[in-house]
Amino acid sequence: MPVRALKISIAIMTTLLIVGIAVIAVELSKRASGKRAEEVQVALPGQMLSGQPLASFDATTVPLPPRTTLRQIIPAGERAILHLDGPLGSDVLMVLDMATGRMLGSITLEPTR
């Protein structure tokens, strides 16, 4: 009787192992085939975001906070993030809508003291 119980437990464990590997393979293929909607696409400078040509747009003025300088522009899907050197050593991240040039919001990164 103990040999039969051992064979049954080996069969159950083998089945669970195969099912587990199949679940992992399906999940990896899902993640590799597409991006989730909440992910933000970030491209390297000079890299096209979607392979499509940019649409024309009107001239827009983006007011910068006083005593700031532009450090970097980071394209992120339909948005652009301006990385600014702020006053007193703080960094400012300004998020712009690329279609309208409208500022969607800003984040001030202040060093801890």
Protein backbone atom coordinates (compact mmCIF):
# COMPACT_ATOMS: atom_id res chain seq x y z
CA MET A 1 0.00 0.00 0.00
CA PRO A 2 2.76 2.58 0.73
CA VAL A 3 4.18 2.13 -2.79
CA ARG A 4 0.79 2.91 -4.32
CA ALA A 5 0.47 6.09 -2.20
CA LEU A 6 3.96 7.12 -3.31
CA LYS A 7 3.07 6.62 -6.98
CA ILE A 8 -0.13 8.66 -6.59
CA SER A 9 1.69 11.51 -4.85
CA ILE A 10 4.39 11.53 -7.57
CA ALA A 11 1.70 11.67 -10.27
CA ILE A 12 -0.07 14.58 -8.50
CA MET A 13 3.18 16.52 -7.99
CA THR A 14 4.19 15.97 -11.63
CA THR A 15 0.79 17.24 -12.81
CA LEU A 16 1.07 20.33 -10.59
CA LEU A 17 4.58 20.99 -11.88
CA ILE A 18 3.46 20.79 -15.52
CA VAL A 19 0.45 23.05 -14.88
CA GLY A 20 2.66 25.56 -13.06
CA ILE A 21 5.17 25.71 -15.91
CA ALA A 22 2.31 26.14 -18.41
CA VAL A 23 0.87 29.06 -16.39
CA ILE A 24 4.29 30.74 -16.25
CA ALA A 25 4.79 30.29 -20.02
CA VAL A 26 1.35 31.78 -20.82
CA GLU A 27 1.95 34.76 -18.52
CA LEU A 28 5.38 35.44 -20.03
CA SER A 29 3.97 35.33 -23.54
CA LYS A 30 1.17 37.76 -22.56
CA ARG A 31 3.66 40.21 -21.09
CA ALA A 32 6.00 39.95 -24.07
CA SER A 33 3.27 40.41 -26.69
CA GLY A 34 1.72 43.67 -25.49
CA LYS A 35 1.93 46.52 -23.06
CA ARG A 36 -0.66 47.34 -20.47
CA ALA A 37 -2.65 50.55 -20.94
CA GLU A 38 -1.29 52.17 -17.77
CA GLU A 39 2.32 51.86 -18.88
CA VAL A 40 3.94 55.03 -20.17
CA GLN A 41 6.16 54.68 -23.20
CA VAL A 42 9.48 56.43 -22.72
CA ALA A 43 11.82 56.81 -25.66
CA LEU A 44 15.45 57.76 -25.78
CA PRO A 45 16.25 61.23 -27.11
CA GLY A 46 16.03 61.23 -30.90
CA GLN A 47 14.00 58.01 -31.02
CA MET A 48 10.59 58.04 -32.74
CA LEU A 49 7.81 57.09 -30.34
CA SER A 50 5.50 55.18 -32.64
CA GLY A 51 7.26 55.16 -35.99
CA GLN A 52 4.70 57.62 -37.34
CA PRO A 53 5.64 61.10 -38.54
CA LEU A 54 4.85 63.93 -36.18
CA ALA A 55 1.73 65.96 -36.90
CA SER A 56 2.04 69.69 -37.40
CA PHE A 57 1.33 71.95 -34.46
CA ASP A 58 1.00 75.64 -33.70
CA ALA A 59 3.72 77.66 -31.98
CA THR A 60 3.33 77.48 -28.22
CA THR A 61 4.99 79.33 -25.37
CA VAL A 62 5.70 77.38 -22.19
CA PRO A 63 6.39 79.67 -19.24
CA LEU A 64 9.16 78.36 -17.00
CA PRO A 65 9.28 79.06 -13.27
CA PRO A 66 11.62 81.91 -12.24
CA ARG A 67 15.34 81.12 -12.01
CA THR A 68 15.11 77.74 -13.74
CA THR A 69 17.03 76.33 -16.67
CA LEU A 70 16.05 73.49 -18.95
CA ARG A 71 18.17 70.38 -18.35
CA GLN A 72 16.42 67.71 -20.44
CA ILE A 73 13.29 66.99 -22.51
CA ILE A 74 11.94 63.45 -22.11
CA PRO A 75 9.29 62.23 -24.58
CA ALA A 76 6.67 59.98 -22.91
CA GLY A 77 3.94 58.91 -25.32
CA GLU A 78 1.59 61.85 -25.90
CA ARG A 79 3.39 63.88 -23.25
CA ALA A 80 6.74 65.54 -22.82
CA ILE A 81 8.50 65.90 -19.50
CA LEU A 82 10.76 68.92 -19.05
CA HIS A 83 13.48 68.38 -16.46
CA LEU A 84 14.41 71.79 -15.09
CA ASP A 85 17.11 72.96 -12.68
CA GLY A 86 15.08 74.83 -10.11
CA PRO A 87 16.14 77.49 -7.62
CA LEU A 88 18.03 76.53 -4.44
CA GLY A 89 19.14 73.16 -5.82
CA SER A 90 15.69 71.71 -6.44
CA ASP A 91 14.74 69.92 -9.65
CA VAL A 92 11.38 70.47 -11.33
CA LEU A 93 9.63 67.98 -13.62
CA MET A 94 7.06 69.74 -15.80
CA VAL A 95 4.61 67.51 -17.73
CA LEU A 96 3.28 68.92 -21.04
CA ASP A 97 0.62 67.69 -23.44
CA MET A 98 2.51 67.44 -26.74
CA ALA A 99 -0.58 68.06 -28.87
CA THR A 100 -1.51 71.38 -27.25
CA GLY A 101 1.63 72.44 -25.39
CA ARG A 102 -0.51 72.87 -22.26
CA MET A 103 1.15 72.18 -18.91
CA LEU A 104 -0.59 69.24 -17.22
CA GLY A 105 1.28 69.57 -13.95
CA SER A 106 4.67 69.84 -12.30
CA ILE A 107 6.60 68.02 -9.62
CA THR A 108 9.26 69.75 -7.52
CA LEU A 109 12.02 67.50 -6.25
CA GLU A 110 13.61 69.09 -3.21
CA PRO A 111 16.75 67.69 -1.62
CA THR A 112 16.41 66.69 2.03
CA ARG A 113 18.51 68.59 4.51
